[in-house]
Amino acid sequence: MTPKQRVMACIQGRKTDKVPVHHLQFSGYAAGIITGRECFVGGAYVQWKAIHSLWNDPDSYPAFRKRCEVDAVAVARACGHDLLRLHYWAGAAAGPSRRLTTTTSFSATTPTDGGTNSPISPTLNC
């Protein structure tokens, strides 16, 4: 079965040749070991990279998003995943609203739209 056939059969309650595989998240470090290069996947690190891109050079953000997609697909293929939620790996949806230091900023999202107004910093890992 192809990955698509496997996932669709599972959703429809039919038998599959094996259990469909999907990992929700990889750390950037683990993805780097798997692919042999730095990968823009993983939680806080990718959020920080996205915000850094938006703050320092907003025109570079589309290239950053594309790199996140390419890296997510590379990790999924290397691990034999059957399903991939690309939007999950896309990084920040909004730019930073306030910069605290050169490495730490507040996100532009608010609790009313489902986000937080938490500091994002690679050293804090939050």
PDB file of N, CA and C in Angstrom:
ATOM      1  N   MET A   1       0.845  -1.191   0.000  1.00  0.00           N
ATOM      2  CA  MET A   1       0.000   0.000   0.000  1.00  0.00           C
ATOM      3  C   MET A   1       0.886   1.249   0.000  1.00  0.00           C
ATOM      4  N   THR A   2       0.389   2.279  -0.644  1.00  0.00           N
ATOM      5  CA  THR A   2       1.065   3.571  -0.562  1.00  0.00           C
ATOM      6  C   THR A   2       0.685   4.226   0.765  1.00  0.00           C
ATOM      7  N   PRO A   3       1.456   5.219   1.210  1.00  0.00           N
ATOM      8  CA  PRO A   3       1.074   5.912   2.442  1.00  0.00           C
ATOM      9  C   PRO A   3      -0.356   6.457   2.396  1.00  0.00           C
ATOM     10  N   LYS A   4      -0.755   7.032   1.267  1.00  0.00           N
ATOM     11  CA  LYS A   4      -2.107   7.583   1.155  1.00  0.00           C
ATOM     12  C   LYS A   4      -3.150   6.477   1.271  1.00  0.00           C
ATOM     13  N   GLN A   5      -2.941   5.355   0.581  1.00  0.00           N
ATOM     14  CA  GLN A   5      -3.878   4.238   0.656  1.00  0.00           C
ATOM     15  C   GLN A   5      -3.972   3.709   2.085  1.00  0.00           C
ATOM     16  N   ARG A   6      -2.830   3.647   2.774  1.00  0.00           N
ATOM     17  CA  ARG A   6      -2.784   3.146   4.139  1.00  0.00           C
ATOM     18  C   ARG A   6      -3.586   4.042   5.079  1.00  0.00           C
ATOM     19  N   VAL A   7      -3.384   5.348   4.971  1.00  0.00           N
ATOM     20  CA  VAL A   7      -4.093   6.295   5.836  1.00  0.00           C
ATOM     21  C   VAL A   7      -5.590   6.270   5.536  1.00  0.00           C
ATOM     22  N   MET A   8      -5.940   6.302   4.258  1.00  0.00           N
ATOM     23  CA  MET A   8      -7.360   6.303   3.898  1.00  0.00           C
ATOM     24  C   MET A   8      -8.044   5.013   4.349  1.00  0.00           C
ATOM     25  N   ALA A   9      -7.375   3.865   4.194  1.00  0.00           N
ATOM     26  CA  ALA A   9      -7.955   2.599   4.639  1.00  0.00           C
ATOM     27  C   ALA A   9      -8.178   2.616   6.147  1.00  0.00           C
ATOM     28  N   CYS A  10      -7.244   3.159   6.863  1.00  0.00           N
ATOM     29  CA  CYS A  10      -7.375   3.236   8.326  1.00  0.00           C
ATOM     30  C   CYS A  10      -8.552   4.127   8.715  1.00  0.00           C
ATOM     31  N   ILE A  11      -8.674   5.281   8.071  1.00  0.00           N
ATOM     32  CA  ILE A  11      -9.777   6.204   8.350  1.00  0.00           C
ATOM     33  C   ILE A  11     -11.120   5.542   8.049  1.00  0.00           C
ATOM     34  N   GLN A  12     -11.155   4.747   6.980  1.00  0.00           N
ATOM     35  CA  GLN A  12     -12.396   4.087   6.567  1.00  0.00           C
ATOM     36  C   GLN A  12     -12.642   2.769   7.294  1.00  0.00           C
ATOM     37  N   GLY A  13     -11.774   2.407   8.221  1.00  0.00           N
ATOM     38  CA  GLY A  13     -11.963   1.184   9.003  1.00  0.00           C
ATOM     39  C   GLY A  13     -11.608  -0.094   8.274  1.00  0.00           C
ATOM     40  N   ARG A  14     -10.852   0.029   7.175  1.00  0.00           N
ATOM     41  CA  ARG A  14     -10.442  -1.162   6.427  1.00  0.00           C
ATOM     42  C   ARG A  14      -9.071  -1.630   6.896  1.00  0.00           C
ATOM     43  N   LYS A  15      -8.719  -2.866   6.554  1.00  0.00           N
ATOM     44  CA  LYS A  15      -7.423  -3.425   6.920  1.00  0.00           C
ATOM     45  C   LYS A  15      -6.306  -2.716   6.148  1.00  0.00           C
ATOM     46  N   THR A  16      -5.165  -2.622   6.800  1.00  0.00           N
ATOM     47  CA  THR A  16      -3.971  -2.050   6.158  1.00  0.00           C
ATOM     48  C   THR A  16      -2.846  -3.075   6.222  1.00  0.00           C
ATOM     49  N   ASP A  17      -1.832  -2.853   5.403  1.00  0.00           N
ATOM     50  CA  ASP A  17      -0.684  -3.757   5.423  1.00  0.00           C
ATOM     51  C   ASP A  17       0.171  -3.559   6.672  1.00  0.00           C
ATOM     52  N   LYS A  18       0.109  -2.366   7.269  1.00  0.00           N
ATOM     53  CA  LYS A  18       0.785  -2.066   8.531  1.00  0.00           C
ATOM     54  C   LYS A  18       0.127  -0.832   9.130  1.00  0.00           C
ATOM     55  N   VAL A  19       0.425  -0.561  10.352  1.00  0.00           N
ATOM     56  CA  VAL A  19      -0.153   0.600  11.026  1.00  0.00           C
ATOM     57  C   VAL A  19       0.437   1.874  10.416  1.00  0.00           C
ATOM     58  N   PRO A  20      -0.408   2.841  10.027  1.00  0.00           N
ATOM     59  CA  PRO A  20       0.117   4.103   9.502  1.00  0.00           C
ATOM     60  C   PRO A  20       0.965   4.812  10.562  1.00  0.00           C
ATOM     61  N   VAL A  21       2.040   5.429  10.121  1.00  0.00           N
ATOM     62  CA  VAL A  21       2.979   6.078  11.030  1.00  0.00           C
ATOM     63  C   VAL A  21       2.919   7.586  10.866  1.00  0.00           C
ATOM     64  N   HIS A  22       2.851   8.269  11.996  1.00  0.00           N
ATOM     65  CA  HIS A  22       2.925   9.734  12.020  1.00  0.00           C
ATOM     66  C   HIS A  22       3.503  10.151  13.362  1.00  0.00           C
ATOM     67  N   HIS A  23       4.576  10.906  13.337  1.00  0.00           N
ATOM     68  CA  HIS A  23       5.130  11.487  14.561  1.00  0.00           C
ATOM     69  C   HIS A  23       4.773  12.958  14.550  1.00  0.00           C
ATOM     70  N   LEU A  24       4.171  13.414  15.616  1.00  0.00           N
ATOM     71  CA  LEU A  24       3.712  14.790  15.666  1.00  0.00           C
ATOM     72  C   LEU A  24       4.868  15.774  15.618  1.00  0.00           C
ATOM     73  N   GLN A  25       5.928  15.493  16.335  1.00  0.00           N
ATOM     74  CA  GLN A  25       7.010  16.470  16.400  1.00  0.00           C
ATOM     75  C   GLN A  25       8.352  15.781  16.577  1.00  0.00           C
ATOM     76  N   PHE A  26       9.356  16.331  15.935  1.00  0.00           N
ATOM     77  CA  PHE A  26      10.739  15.939  16.123  1.00  0.00           C
ATOM     78  C   PHE A  26      11.479  17.143  16.656  1.00  0.00           C
ATOM     79  N   SER A  27      12.453  16.925  17.486  1.00  0.00           N
ATOM     80  CA  SER A  27      13.321  18.037  17.857  1.00  0.00           C
ATOM     81  C   SER A  27      14.202  18.349  16.658  1.00  0.00           C
ATOM     82  N   GLY A  28      14.594  19.605  16.538  1.00  0.00           N
ATOM     83  CA  GLY A  28      15.501  19.988  15.462  1.00  0.00           C
ATOM     84  C   GLY A  28      16.805  19.204  15.530  1.00  0.00           C
ATOM     85  N   TYR A  29      17.249  18.917  16.751  1.00  0.00           N
ATOM     86  CA  TYR A  29      18.493  18.161  16.934  1.00  0.00           C
ATOM     87  C   TYR A  29      18.353  16.749  16.370  1.00  0.00           C
ATOM     88  N   ALA A  30      17.268  16.059  16.742  1.00  0.00           N
ATOM     89  CA  ALA A  30      17.046  14.701  16.239  1.00  0.00           C
ATOM     90  C   ALA A  30      16.870  14.704  14.723  1.00  0.00           C
ATOM     91  N   ALA A  31      16.134  15.683  14.208  1.00  0.00           N
ATOM     92  CA  ALA A  31      15.936  15.775  12.754  1.00  0.00           C
ATOM     93  C   ALA A  31      17.269  15.993  12.048  1.00  0.00           C
ATOM     94  N   GLY A  32      18.145  16.783  12.659  1.00  0.00           N
ATOM     95  CA  GLY A  32      19.468  17.017  12.077  1.00  0.00           C
ATOM     96  C   GLY A  32      20.297  15.750  12.002  1.00  0.00           C
ATOM     97  N   ILE A  33      20.199  14.924  13.022  1.00  0.00           N
ATOM     98  CA  ILE A  33      20.923  13.651  13.009  1.00  0.00           C
ATOM     99  C   ILE A  33      20.351  12.742  11.921  1.00  0.00           C
ATOM    100  N   ILE A  34      19.036  12.715  11.792  1.00  0.00           N
ATOM    101  CA  ILE A  34      18.382  11.861  10.804  1.00  0.00           C
ATOM    102  C   ILE A  34      18.735  12.284   9.379  1.00  0.00           C
ATOM    103  N   THR A  35      18.723  13.599   9.115  1.00  0.00           N
ATOM    104  CA  THR A  35      18.954  14.092   7.753  1.00  0.00           C
ATOM    105  C   THR A  35      20.412  14.435   7.463  1.00  0.00           C
ATOM    106  N   GLY A  36      21.207  14.599   8.500  1.00  0.00           N
ATOM    107  CA  GLY A  36      22.611  14.961   8.303  1.00  0.00           C
ATOM    108  C   GLY A  36      22.832  16.453   8.074  1.00  0.00           C
ATOM    109  N   ARG A  37      21.832  17.284   8.399  1.00  0.00           N
ATOM    110  CA  ARG A  37      21.974  18.736   8.243  1.00  0.00           C
ATOM    111  C   ARG A  37      21.034  19.434   9.215  1.00  0.00           C
ATOM    112  N   GLU A  38      21.243  20.728   9.438  1.00  0.00           N
ATOM    113  CA  GLU A  38      20.350  21.480  10.299  1.00  0.00           C
ATOM    114  C   GLU A  38      18.949  21.465   9.688  1.00  0.00           C
ATOM    115  N   CYS A  39      17.954  21.205  10.522  1.00  0.00           N
ATOM    116  CA  CYS A  39      16.571  21.174  10.061  1.00  0.00           C
ATOM    117  C   CYS A  39      15.740  22.196  10.814  1.00  0.00           C
ATOM    118  N   PHE A  40      14.867  22.888  10.084  1.00  0.00           N
ATOM    119  CA  PHE A  40      13.957  23.851  10.691  1.00  0.00           C
ATOM    120  C   PHE A  40      12.660  23.139  11.056  1.00  0.00           C
ATOM    121  N   VAL A  41      12.756  22.238  12.024  1.00  0.00           N
ATOM    122  CA  VAL A  41      11.603  21.545  12.586  1.00  0.00           C
ATOM    123  C   VAL A  41      11.778  21.548  14.091  1.00  0.00           C
ATOM    124  N   GLY A  42      10.701  21.260  14.805  1.00  0.00           N
ATOM    125  CA  GLY A  42      10.766  21.264  16.260  1.00  0.00           C
ATOM    126  C   GLY A  42      10.074  22.500  16.805  1.00  0.00           C
ATOM    127  N   GLY A  43       9.712  22.460  18.046  1.00  0.00           N
ATOM    128  CA  GLY A  43       8.898  23.500  18.658  1.00  0.00           C
ATOM    129  C   GLY A  43       9.535  24.854  18.838  1.00  0.00           C
ATOM    130  N   ALA A  44      10.093  25.094  20.001  1.00  0.00           N
ATOM    131  CA  ALA A  44      10.550  26.432  20.389  1.00  0.00           C
ATOM    132  C   ALA A  44      11.639  26.963  19.463  1.00  0.00           C
ATOM    133  N   TYR A  45      12.540  26.104  19.029  1.00  0.00           N
ATOM    134  CA  TYR A  45      13.632  26.565  18.176  1.00  0.00           C
ATOM    135  C   TYR A  45      13.100  27.138  16.861  1.00  0.00           C
ATOM    136  N   VAL A  46      12.145  26.463  16.264  1.00  0.00           N
ATOM    137  CA  VAL A  46      11.581  26.947  14.998  1.00  0.00           C
ATOM    138  C   VAL A  46      10.762  28.212  15.225  1.00  0.00           C
ATOM    139  N   GLN A  47      10.053  28.280  16.342  1.00  0.00           N
ATOM    140  CA  GLN A  47       9.328  29.515  16.662  1.00  0.00           C
ATOM    141  C   GLN A  47      10.304  30.680  16.773  1.00  0.00           C
ATOM    142  N   TRP A  48      11.410  30.452  17.454  1.00  0.00           N
ATOM    143  CA  TRP A  48      12.414  31.509  17.596  1.00  0.00           C
ATOM    144  C   TRP A  48      12.979  31.890  16.230  1.00  0.00           C
ATOM    145  N   LYS A  49      13.312  30.896  15.405  1.00  0.00           N
ATOM    146  CA  LYS A  49      13.846  31.183  14.067  1.00  0.00           C
ATOM    147  C   LYS A  49      12.833  31.979  13.240  1.00  0.00           C
ATOM    148  N   ALA A  50      11.549  31.643  13.342  1.00  0.00           N
ATOM    149  CA  ALA A  50      10.512  32.350  12.591  1.00  0.00           C
ATOM    150  C   ALA A  50      10.412  33.801  13.048  1.00  0.00           C
ATOM    151  N   ILE A  51      10.362  33.998  14.343  1.00  0.00           N
ATOM    152  CA  ILE A  51      10.258  35.358  14.878  1.00  0.00           C
ATOM    153  C   ILE A  51      11.501  36.161  14.545  1.00  0.00           C
ATOM    154  N   HIS A  52      12.656  35.531  14.635  1.00  0.00           N
ATOM    155  CA  HIS A  52      13.914  36.198  14.275  1.00  0.00           C
ATOM    156  C   HIS A  52      13.880  36.629  12.806  1.00  0.00           C
ATOM    157  N   SER A  53      13.388  35.751  11.946  1.00  0.00           N
ATOM    158  CA  SER A  53      13.274  36.076  10.524  1.00  0.00           C
ATOM    159  C   SER A  53      12.316  37.251  10.310  1.00  0.00           C
ATOM    160  N   LEU A  54      11.162  37.201  10.954  1.00  0.00           N
ATOM    161  CA  LEU A  54      10.175  38.276  10.799  1.00  0.00           C
ATOM    162  C   LEU A  54      10.683  39.608  11.343  1.00  0.00           C
ATOM    163  N   TRP A  55      11.430  39.574  12.429  1.00  0.00           N
ATOM    164  CA  TRP A  55      11.923  40.809  13.039  1.00  0.00           C
ATOM    165  C   TRP A  55      13.051  41.414  12.211  1.00  0.00           C
ATOM    166  N   ASN A  56      14.003  40.598  11.798  1.00  0.00           N
ATOM    167  CA  ASN A  56      15.213  41.106  11.143  1.00  0.00           C
ATOM    168  C   ASN A  56      15.054  41.336   9.649  1.00  0.00           C
ATOM    169  N   ASP A  57      14.255  40.517   8.997  1.00  0.00           N
ATOM    170  CA  ASP A  57      14.109  40.644   7.542  1.00  0.00           C
ATOM    171  C   ASP A  57      12.791  39.996   7.110  1.00  0.00           C
ATOM    172  N   PRO A  58      11.676  40.741   7.232  1.00  0.00           N
ATOM    173  CA  PRO A  58      10.370  40.150   6.897  1.00  0.00           C
ATOM    174  C   PRO A  58      10.308  39.555   5.492  1.00  0.00           C
ATOM    175  N   ASP A  59      11.099  40.091   4.558  1.00  0.00           N
ATOM    176  CA  ASP A  59      11.092  39.550   3.198  1.00  0.00           C
ATOM    177  C   ASP A  59      11.674  38.139   3.137  1.00  0.00           C
ATOM    178  N   SER A  60      12.447  37.747   4.139  1.00  0.00           N
ATOM    179  CA  SER A  60      13.037  36.404   4.153  1.00  0.00           C
ATOM    180  C   SER A  60      12.072  35.351   4.697  1.00  0.00           C
ATOM    181  N   TYR A  61      10.947  35.792   5.257  1.00  0.00           N
ATOM    182  CA  TYR A  61      10.026  34.848   5.896  1.00  0.00           C
ATOM    183  C   TYR A  61       9.450  33.805   4.938  1.00  0.00           C
ATOM    184  N   PRO A  62       9.035  34.156   3.725  1.00  0.00           N
ATOM    185  CA  PRO A  62       8.542  33.098   2.812  1.00  0.00           C
ATOM    186  C   PRO A  62       9.593  32.009   2.546  1.00  0.00           C
ATOM    187  N   ALA A  63      10.840  32.395   2.415  1.00  0.00           N
ATOM    188  CA  ALA A  63      11.899  31.398   2.217  1.00  0.00           C
ATOM    189  C   ALA A  63      12.063  30.534   3.466  1.00  0.00           C
ATOM    190  N   PHE A  64      11.932  31.148   4.636  1.00  0.00           N
ATOM    191  CA  PHE A  64      11.987  30.400   5.884  1.00  0.00           C
ATOM    192  C   PHE A  64      10.866  29.363   5.938  1.00  0.00           C
ATOM    193  N   ARG A  65       9.643  29.780   5.613  1.00  0.00           N
ATOM    194  CA  ARG A  65       8.497  28.861   5.624  1.00  0.00           C
ATOM    195  C   ARG A  65       8.715  27.705   4.647  1.00  0.00           C
ATOM    196  N   LYS A  66       9.253  28.002   3.484  1.00  0.00           N
ATOM    197  CA  LYS A  66       9.526  26.957   2.496  1.00  0.00           C
ATOM    198  C   LYS A  66      10.568  25.980   3.046  1.00  0.00           C
ATOM    199  N   ARG A  67      11.590  26.521   3.704  1.00  0.00           N
ATOM    200  CA  ARG A  67      12.622  25.658   4.292  1.00  0.00           C
ATOM    201  C   ARG A  67      12.011  24.751   5.358  1.00  0.00           C
ATOM    202  N   CYS A  68      11.098  25.266   6.177  1.00  0.00           N
ATOM    203  CA  CYS A  68      10.418  24.436   7.177  1.00  0.00           C
ATOM    204  C   CYS A  68       9.687  23.271   6.499  1.00  0.00           C
ATOM    205  N   GLU A  69       8.999  23.574   5.405  1.00  0.00           N
ATOM    206  CA  GLU A  69       8.255  22.544   4.672  1.00  0.00           C
ATOM    207  C   GLU A  69       9.193  21.494   4.095  1.00  0.00           C
ATOM    208  N   VAL A  70      10.257  21.944   3.449  1.00  0.00           N
ATOM    209  CA  VAL A  70      11.227  21.018   2.843  1.00  0.00           C
ATOM    210  C   VAL A  70      11.827  20.114   3.918  1.00  0.00           C
ATOM    211  N   ASP A  71      12.189  20.706   5.058  1.00  0.00           N
ATOM    212  CA  ASP A  71      12.791  19.920   6.131  1.00  0.00           C
ATOM    213  C   ASP A  71      11.802  18.938   6.737  1.00  0.00           C
ATOM    214  N   ALA A  72      10.552  19.348   6.937  1.00  0.00           N
ATOM    215  CA  ALA A  72       9.533  18.444   7.488  1.00  0.00           C
ATOM    216  C   ALA A  72       9.306  17.257   6.563  1.00  0.00           C
ATOM    217  N   VAL A  73       9.257  17.508   5.265  1.00  0.00           N
ATOM    218  CA  VAL A  73       9.077  16.425   4.296  1.00  0.00           C
ATOM    219  C   VAL A  73      10.301  15.504   4.309  1.00  0.00           C
ATOM    220  N   ALA A  74      11.491  16.070   4.394  1.00  0.00           N
ATOM    221  CA  ALA A  74      12.710  15.260   4.415  1.00  0.00           C
ATOM    222  C   ALA A  74      12.738  14.331   5.629  1.00  0.00           C
ATOM    223  N   VAL A  75      12.366  14.843   6.788  1.00  0.00           N
ATOM    224  CA  VAL A  75      12.336  14.019   7.998  1.00  0.00           C
ATOM    225  C   VAL A  75      11.267  12.936   7.873  1.00  0.00           C
ATOM    226  N   ALA A  76      10.088  13.306   7.380  1.00  0.00           N
ATOM    227  CA  ALA A  76       9.006  12.330   7.225  1.00  0.00           C
ATOM    228  C   ALA A  76       9.405  11.212   6.268  1.00  0.00           C
ATOM    229  N   ARG A  77      10.026  11.567   5.180  1.00  0.00           N
ATOM    230  CA  ARG A  77      10.460  10.534   4.211  1.00  0.00           C
ATOM    231  C   ARG A  77      11.544   9.650   4.808  1.00  0.00           C
ATOM    232  N   ALA A  78      12.496  10.259   5.496  1.00  0.00           N
ATOM    233  CA  ALA A  78      13.594   9.490   6.085  1.00  0.00           C
ATOM    234  C   ALA A  78      13.091   8.504   7.137  1.00  0.00           C
ATOM    235  N   CYS A  79      11.991   8.843   7.794  1.00  0.00           N
ATOM    236  CA  CYS A  79      11.446   7.995   8.864  1.00  0.00           C
ATOM    237  C   CYS A  79      10.311   7.093   8.397  1.00  0.00           C
ATOM    238  N   GLY A  80       9.932   7.181   7.133  1.00  0.00           N
ATOM    239  CA  GLY A  80       8.874   6.335   6.604  1.00  0.00           C
ATOM    240  C   GLY A  80       7.486   6.706   7.091  1.00  0.00           C
ATOM    241  N   HIS A  81       7.252   7.986   7.318  1.00  0.00           N
ATOM    242  CA  HIS A  81       5.928   8.428   7.775  1.00  0.00           C
ATOM    243  C   HIS A  81       4.891   8.287   6.664  1.00  0.00           C
ATOM    244  N   ASP A  82       3.674   8.029   7.074  1.00  0.00           N
ATOM    245  CA  ASP A  82       2.564   7.931   6.144  1.00  0.00           C
ATOM    246  C   ASP A  82       1.747   9.212   6.085  1.00  0.00           C
ATOM    247  N   LEU A  83       1.869  10.058   7.094  1.00  0.00           N
ATOM    248  CA  LEU A  83       1.054  11.256   7.212  1.00  0.00           C
ATOM    249  C   LEU A  83       1.932  12.395   7.700  1.00  0.00           C
ATOM    250  N   LEU A  84       1.676  13.596   7.191  1.00  0.00           N
ATOM    251  CA  LEU A  84       2.444  14.769   7.588  1.00  0.00           C
ATOM    252  C   LEU A  84       1.525  15.971   7.603  1.00  0.00           C
ATOM    253  N   ARG A  85       1.484  16.669   8.718  1.00  0.00           N
ATOM    254  CA  ARG A  85       0.715  17.916   8.837  1.00  0.00           C
ATOM    255  C   ARG A  85       1.672  19.081   8.604  1.00  0.00           C
ATOM    256  N   LEU A  86       1.769  19.546   7.379  1.00  0.00           N
ATOM    257  CA  LEU A  86       2.752  20.593   7.063  1.00  0.00           C
ATOM    258  C   LEU A  86       2.505  21.882   7.823  1.00  0.00           C
ATOM    259  N   HIS A  87       1.252  22.268   8.034  1.00  0.00           N
ATOM    260  CA  HIS A  87       1.002  23.532   8.713  1.00  0.00           C
ATOM    261  C   HIS A  87       1.557  23.532  10.136  1.00  0.00           C
ATOM    262  N   TYR A  88       1.706  22.353  10.735  1.00  0.00           N
ATOM    263  CA  TYR A  88       2.250  22.268  12.090  1.00  0.00           C
ATOM    264  C   TYR A  88       3.693  22.767  12.145  1.00  0.00           C
ATOM    265  N   TRP A  89       4.436  22.558  11.076  1.00  0.00           N
ATOM    266  CA  TRP A  89       5.860  22.874  11.052  1.00  0.00           C
ATOM    267  C   TRP A  89       6.143  24.279  10.551  1.00  0.00           C
ATOM    268  N   ALA A  90       5.140  25.067  10.328  1.00  0.00           N
ATOM    269  CA  ALA A  90       5.328  26.329   9.614  1.00  0.00           C
ATOM    270  C   ALA A  90       5.953  27.452  10.427  1.00  0.00           C
ATOM    271  N   GLY A  91       6.114  27.303  11.703  1.00  0.00           N
ATOM    272  CA  GLY A  91       6.697  28.392  12.494  1.00  0.00           C
ATOM    273  C   GLY A  91       5.635  29.400  12.901  1.00  0.00           C
ATOM    274  N   ALA A  92       6.085  30.576  13.269  1.00  0.00           N
ATOM    275  CA  ALA A  92       5.179  31.607  13.800  1.00  0.00           C
ATOM    276  C   ALA A  92       4.245  32.128  12.718  1.00  0.00           C
ATOM    277  N   ALA A  93       3.014  32.391  13.114  1.00  0.00           N
ATOM    278  CA  ALA A  93       2.035  32.956  12.186  1.00  0.00           C
ATOM    279  C   ALA A  93       2.075  34.476  12.208  1.00  0.00           C
ATOM    280  N   ALA A  94       2.551  35.033  13.292  1.00  0.00           N
ATOM    281  CA  ALA A  94       2.603  36.490  13.435  1.00  0.00           C
ATOM    282  C   ALA A  94       3.986  36.891  13.917  1.00  0.00           C
ATOM    283  N   GLY A  95       4.345  38.108  13.642  1.00  0.00           N
ATOM    284  CA  GLY A  95       5.655  38.594  14.034  1.00  0.00           C
ATOM    285  C   GLY A  95       5.724  38.962  15.500  1.00  0.00           C
ATOM    286  N   PRO A  96       6.920  39.249  15.964  1.00  0.00           N
ATOM    287  CA  PRO A  96       7.085  39.656  17.352  1.00  0.00           C
ATOM    288  C   PRO A  96       6.462  41.026  17.586  1.00  0.00           C
ATOM    289  N   SER A  97       5.870  41.206  18.746  1.00  0.00           N
ATOM    290  CA  SER A  97       5.272  42.497  19.062  1.00  0.00           C
ATOM    291  C   SER A  97       6.231  43.386  19.845  1.00  0.00           C
ATOM    292  N   ARG A  98       7.202  42.764  20.505  1.00  0.00           N
ATOM    293  CA  ARG A  98       8.146  43.541  21.293  1.00  0.00           C
ATOM    294  C   ARG A  98       9.432  42.746  21.447  1.00  0.00           C
ATOM    295  N   ARG A  99      10.547  43.389  21.293  1.00  0.00           N
ATOM    296  CA  ARG A  99      11.848  42.742  21.436  1.00  0.00           C
ATOM    297  C   ARG A  99      12.412  43.061  22.807  1.00  0.00           C
ATOM    298  N   LEU A 100      12.822  42.030  23.537  1.00  0.00           N
ATOM    299  CA  LEU A 100      13.410  42.237  24.859  1.00  0.00           C
ATOM    300  C   LEU A 100      14.924  42.311  24.795  1.00  0.00           C
ATOM    301  N   THR A 101      15.531  41.386  24.056  1.00  0.00           N
ATOM    302  CA  THR A 101      16.973  41.369  23.829  1.00  0.00           C
ATOM    303  C   THR A 101      17.196  40.958  22.389  1.00  0.00           C
ATOM    304  N   THR A 102      18.428  40.769  21.982  1.00  0.00           N
ATOM    305  CA  THR A 102      18.700  40.344  20.604  1.00  0.00           C
ATOM    306  C   THR A 102      18.221  38.924  20.349  1.00  0.00           C
ATOM    307  N   THR A 103      18.003  38.138  21.400  1.00  0.00           N
ATOM    308  CA  THR A 103      17.548  36.756  21.213  1.00  0.00           C
ATOM    309  C   THR A 103      16.167  36.475  21.785  1.00  0.00           C
ATOM    310  N   THR A 104      15.550  37.433  22.455  1.00  0.00           N
ATOM    311  CA  THR A 104      14.267  37.181  23.110  1.00  0.00           C
ATOM    312  C   THR A 104      13.264  38.256  22.736  1.00  0.00           C
ATOM    313  N   SER A 105      12.038  37.826  22.368  1.00  0.00           N
ATOM    314  CA  SER A 105      10.986  38.776  22.021  1.00  0.00           C
ATOM    315  C   SER A 105       9.654  38.225  22.497  1.00  0.00           C
ATOM    316  N   PHE A 106       8.649  39.105  22.514  1.00  0.00           N
ATOM    317  CA  PHE A 106       7.291  38.673  22.814  1.00  0.00           C
ATOM    318  C   PHE A 106       6.579  38.427  21.499  1.00  0.00           C
ATOM    319  N   SER A 107       5.750  37.395  21.484  1.00  0.00           N
ATOM    320  CA  SER A 107       4.980  37.063  20.297  1.00  0.00           C
ATOM    321  C   SER A 107       3.831  38.049  20.136  1.00  0.00           C
ATOM    322  N   ALA A 108       3.368  38.213  18.897  1.00  0.00           N
ATOM    323  CA  ALA A 108       2.289  39.156  18.603  1.00  0.00           C
ATOM    324  C   ALA A 108       0.918  38.568  18.857  1.00  0.00           C
ATOM    325  N   THR A 109       0.829  37.290  19.166  1.00  0.00           N
ATOM    326  CA  THR A 109      -0.477  36.688  19.407  1.00  0.00           C
ATOM    327  C   THR A 109      -0.971  37.033  20.802  1.00  0.00           C
ATOM    328  N   THR A 110      -2.246  36.919  21.001  1.00  0.00           N
ATOM    329  CA  THR A 110      -2.841  37.233  22.303  1.00  0.00           C
ATOM    330  C   THR A 110      -3.654  36.048  22.788  1.00  0.00           C
ATOM    331  N   PRO A 111      -3.919  35.967  24.085  1.00  0.00           N
ATOM    332  CA  PRO A 111      -4.725  34.852  24.593  1.00  0.00           C
ATOM    333  C   PRO A 111      -6.109  34.761  23.950  1.00  0.00           C
ATOM    334  N   THR A 112      -6.668  35.863  23.463  1.00  0.00           N
ATOM    335  CA  THR A 112      -8.011  35.823  22.876  1.00  0.00           C
ATOM    336  C   THR A 112      -8.029  35.112  21.524  1.00  0.00           C
ATOM    337  N   ASP A 113      -6.889  35.053  20.811  1.00  0.00           N
ATOM    338  CA  ASP A 113      -6.880  34.347  19.529  1.00  0.00           C
ATOM    339  C   ASP A 113      -6.202  32.981  19.640  1.00  0.00           C
ATOM    340  N   GLY A 114      -6.095  32.485  20.861  1.00  0.00           N
ATOM    341  CA  GLY A 114      -5.550  31.147  21.059  1.00  0.00           C
ATOM    342  C   GLY A 114      -4.053  31.127  21.282  1.00  0.00           C
ATOM    343  N   GLY A 115      -3.396  32.270  21.180  1.00  0.00           N
ATOM    344  CA  GLY A 115      -1.959  32.324  21.379  1.00  0.00           C
ATOM    345  C   GLY A 115      -1.594  32.735  22.786  1.00  0.00           C
ATOM    346  N   THR A 116      -0.368  33.072  22.957  1.00  0.00           N
ATOM    347  CA  THR A 116       0.112  33.530  24.257  1.00  0.00           C
ATOM    348  C   THR A 116       0.924  34.796  24.053  1.00  0.00           C
ATOM    349  N   ASN A 117       1.170  35.476  25.087  1.00  0.00           N
ATOM    350  CA  ASN A 117       2.061  36.631  25.031  1.00  0.00           C
ATOM    351  C   ASN A 117       3.298  36.294  25.847  1.00  0.00           C
ATOM    352  N   SER A 118       3.867  35.119  25.569  1.00  0.00           N
ATOM    353  CA  SER A 118       5.020  34.605  26.298  1.00  0.00           C
ATOM    354  C   SER A 118       6.304  34.996  25.590  1.00  0.00           C
ATOM    355  N   PRO A 119       7.383  35.120  26.367  1.00  0.00           N
ATOM    356  CA  PRO A 119       8.665  35.377  25.718  1.00  0.00           C
ATOM    357  C   PRO A 119       9.110  34.138  24.944  1.00  0.00           C
ATOM    358  N   ILE A 120       9.676  34.358  23.772  1.00  0.00           N
ATOM    359  CA  ILE A 120      10.212  33.278  22.958  1.00  0.00           C
ATOM    360  C   ILE A 120      11.718  33.486  22.904  1.00  0.00           C
ATOM    361  N   SER A 121      12.465  32.486  23.382  1.00  0.00           N
ATOM    362  CA  SER A 121      13.908  32.579  23.411  1.00  0.00           C
ATOM    363  C   SER A 121      14.499  31.187  23.226  1.00  0.00           C
ATOM    364  N   PRO A 122      15.519  31.041  22.381  1.00  0.00           N
ATOM    365  CA  PRO A 122      16.099  29.720  22.207  1.00  0.00           C
ATOM    366  C   PRO A 122      16.809  29.244  23.460  1.00  0.00           C
ATOM    367  N   THR A 123      17.299  30.155  24.279  1.00  0.00           N
ATOM    368  CA  THR A 123      17.994  29.750  25.480  1.00  0.00           C
ATOM    369  C   THR A 123      17.047  29.352  26.592  1.00  0.00           C
ATOM    370  N   LEU A 124      15.838  29.918  26.591  1.00  0.00           N
ATOM    371  CA  LEU A 124      14.832  29.549  27.583  1.00  0.00           C
ATOM    372  C   LEU A 124      14.104  28.280  27.206  1.00  0.00           C
ATOM    373  N   ASN A 125      14.137  27.938  25.908  1.00  0.00           N
ATOM    374  CA  ASN A 125      13.421  26.783  25.363  1.00  0.00           C
ATOM    375  C   ASN A 125      11.947  26.811  25.764  1.00  0.00           C
ATOM    376  N   CYS A 126      11.316  27.979  25.564  1.00  0.00           N
ATOM    377  CA  CYS A 126       9.898  28.101  25.893  1.00  0.00           C
ATOM    378  C   CYS A 126       9.150  28.750  24.767  1.00  0.00           C
TER     379      CYS A 126
END
